[in-house]
Structures are given as C-alpha cells and as structure tokens.
Amino acid sequence: MLALRLRELREDKDRTQAEIAEILRITRACYSMYESGKRQVSYEALDILADYYKVSIDYLLGRQEEKAIQLSEEETELLKKFNSLDNRGKQNILALVNIEFSRANSKAK
C-alpha cells in the first residue's frame, strides 16, 4: 500500500522521482525502490513525506483511507481564534467567508 500511495501522491503533485528523492536527500534509484516496494522507507523519510504531501503517516501506510489534512501554523491559529468566538462571532466570520468565496468564484468564471 505504501508504494502505491507514494506514487499516487507524487503524480498528483506532478513531481518526478528525482525531485522527491532530492527532498529526501537520497538517490532517484533508491526512491524508485520505495515506489516499487523493493525497499523499506525509513521513519525519517516517512515523516518528511507526510509533511511534504500534508497527509498522515497512517495514510501513507494504508492504515487510514482518508487523507488527513495537516494545517499550517497560520491555519491552526485561525482555527483556534474561530473556536474561541461565541456563536454570533462565528456566524459573522462564516458570513464574511461566504461573501469572499462568492466573489472569488465569480472572478474565476
């Protein structure tokens, strides 16, 4: 499962094996063996790949079907602030987000 997930994630990001190998500081041939299942991925490499693809290690290993979204520091801070608001504050923020989302979608058309 790991080999398949690594390939799918790499292709989804339109990256080459050489580019991912460079991130991991290994050779392309070594990375190719990860994707073919001929070599085990180190814990360090799993950690780097999970961060790079913004998924959990459990997702990479096939223990979880859904990609867990890892939030950036900015997104985490925004979520904390939103959660600290009362219901009225949350409704105001959601209304503003919906307005901005509608504007962005109308410009994209």
Protein backbone atom coordinates (compact mmCIF):
# COMPACT_ATOMS: atom_id res chain seq x y z
CA MET A 1 0.00 0.00 0.00
CA LEU A 2 2.83 2.43 0.85
CA ALA A 3 4.42 2.07 -2.57
CA LEU A 4 1.11 2.78 -4.30
CA ARG A 5 0.35 5.79 -2.12
CA LEU A 6 3.81 7.26 -2.69
CA ARG A 7 3.39 7.04 -6.43
CA GLU A 8 -0.15 8.44 -6.40
CA LEU A 9 0.80 11.38 -4.20
CA ARG A 10 3.88 12.16 -6.28
CA GLU A 11 1.91 12.07 -9.53
CA ASP A 12 -0.88 14.19 -8.03
CA LYS A 13 1.73 16.90 -7.36
CA ASP A 14 3.26 16.44 -10.85
CA ARG A 15 6.67 15.66 -9.37
CA THR A 16 9.34 13.33 -10.68
CA GLN A 17 11.02 10.61 -8.67
CA ALA A 18 14.22 12.65 -8.87
CA GLU A 19 12.51 15.68 -7.29
CA ILE A 20 11.16 13.65 -4.39
CA ALA A 21 14.50 11.90 -3.96
CA GLU A 22 16.16 15.30 -3.70
CA ILE A 23 13.76 16.32 -0.90
CA LEU A 24 14.65 13.10 0.93
CA ARG A 25 18.36 13.51 0.14
CA ILE A 26 18.58 10.08 -1.45
CA THR A 27 19.21 8.88 -4.98
CA ARG A 28 16.44 8.57 -7.54
CA ALA A 29 17.18 4.85 -7.75
CA CYS A 30 16.64 4.48 -4.00
CA TYR A 31 13.36 6.37 -4.20
CA SER A 32 12.28 4.26 -7.15
CA MET A 33 12.70 1.18 -4.95
CA TYR A 34 10.36 2.79 -2.39
CA GLU A 35 7.68 3.13 -5.05
CA SER A 36 8.21 -0.42 -6.31
CA GLY A 37 8.12 -1.86 -2.80
CA LYS A 38 11.63 -3.26 -3.10
CA ARG A 39 12.98 -1.19 -0.25
CA GLN A 40 11.57 -0.12 3.12
CA VAL A 41 11.08 3.57 3.75
CA SER A 42 12.87 4.89 6.84
CA TYR A 43 10.91 6.54 9.64
CA GLU A 44 12.66 9.80 8.87
CA ALA A 45 11.63 9.61 5.22
CA LEU A 46 8.03 8.77 6.18
CA ASP A 47 7.93 11.85 8.39
CA ILE A 48 9.34 14.08 5.63
CA LEU A 49 6.94 12.66 3.03
CA ALA A 50 3.90 13.04 5.29
CA ASP A 51 4.78 16.69 5.88
CA TYR A 52 5.51 17.31 2.20
CA TYR A 53 2.24 15.77 1.00
CA LYS A 54 0.28 17.09 4.01
CA VAL A 55 -1.06 13.64 4.91
CA SER A 56 -0.70 11.44 7.96
CA ILE A 57 1.81 8.62 8.21
CA ASP A 58 -1.18 6.33 8.79
CA TYR A 59 -2.49 7.36 5.38
CA LEU A 60 0.86 6.60 3.75
CA LEU A 61 0.95 3.18 5.38
CA GLY A 62 -2.63 2.36 4.36
CA ARG A 63 -3.96 2.29 7.92
CA GLN A 64 -6.33 5.15 7.12
CA GLU A 65 -8.32 5.68 3.92
CA GLU A 66 -8.90 9.40 4.16
CA LYS A 67 -6.08 11.84 3.72
CA ALA A 68 -5.70 13.70 6.99
CA ILE A 69 -5.18 17.35 6.31
CA GLN A 70 -2.28 18.87 8.18
CA LEU A 71 -2.83 22.53 8.85
CA SER A 72 -0.19 25.20 8.56
CA GLU A 73 0.66 27.28 11.63
CA GLU A 74 -1.41 30.13 10.22
CA GLU A 75 -4.41 27.86 9.64
CA THR A 76 -4.10 26.38 13.13
CA GLU A 77 -4.00 29.86 14.69
CA LEU A 78 -7.04 30.94 12.66
CA LEU A 79 -8.97 27.85 13.74
CA LYS A 80 -8.08 28.44 17.40
CA LYS A 81 -9.31 32.02 17.20
CA PHE A 82 -12.50 30.99 15.42
CA ASN A 83 -13.23 28.32 18.04
CA SER A 84 -12.82 30.86 20.84
CA LEU A 85 -15.59 33.08 19.43
CA ASP A 86 -19.19 32.98 20.61
CA ASN A 87 -21.93 31.87 18.19
CA ARG A 88 -22.56 35.40 16.92
CA GLY A 89 -18.87 35.91 16.17
CA LYS A 90 -18.69 32.57 14.35
CA GLN A 91 -21.76 33.45 12.28
CA ASN A 92 -20.21 36.79 11.32
CA ILE A 93 -16.95 35.15 10.24
CA LEU A 94 -18.79 32.47 8.23
CA ALA A 95 -20.89 35.15 6.52
CA LEU A 96 -17.75 37.07 5.57
CA VAL A 97 -16.07 33.89 4.29
CA ASN A 98 -19.13 33.10 2.14
CA ILE A 99 -19.09 36.61 0.65
CA GLU A 100 -15.38 36.38 -0.17
CA PHE A 101 -15.80 32.86 -1.56
CA SER A 102 -18.63 34.04 -3.83
CA ARG A 103 -16.52 36.96 -5.08
CA ALA A 104 -13.57 34.69 -5.81
CA ASN A 105 -15.75 32.23 -7.71
CA SER A 106 -17.42 34.96 -9.77
CA LYS A 107 -14.00 36.36 -10.78
CA ALA A 108 -12.79 32.89 -11.79
CA LYS A 109 -15.65 32.49 -14.30
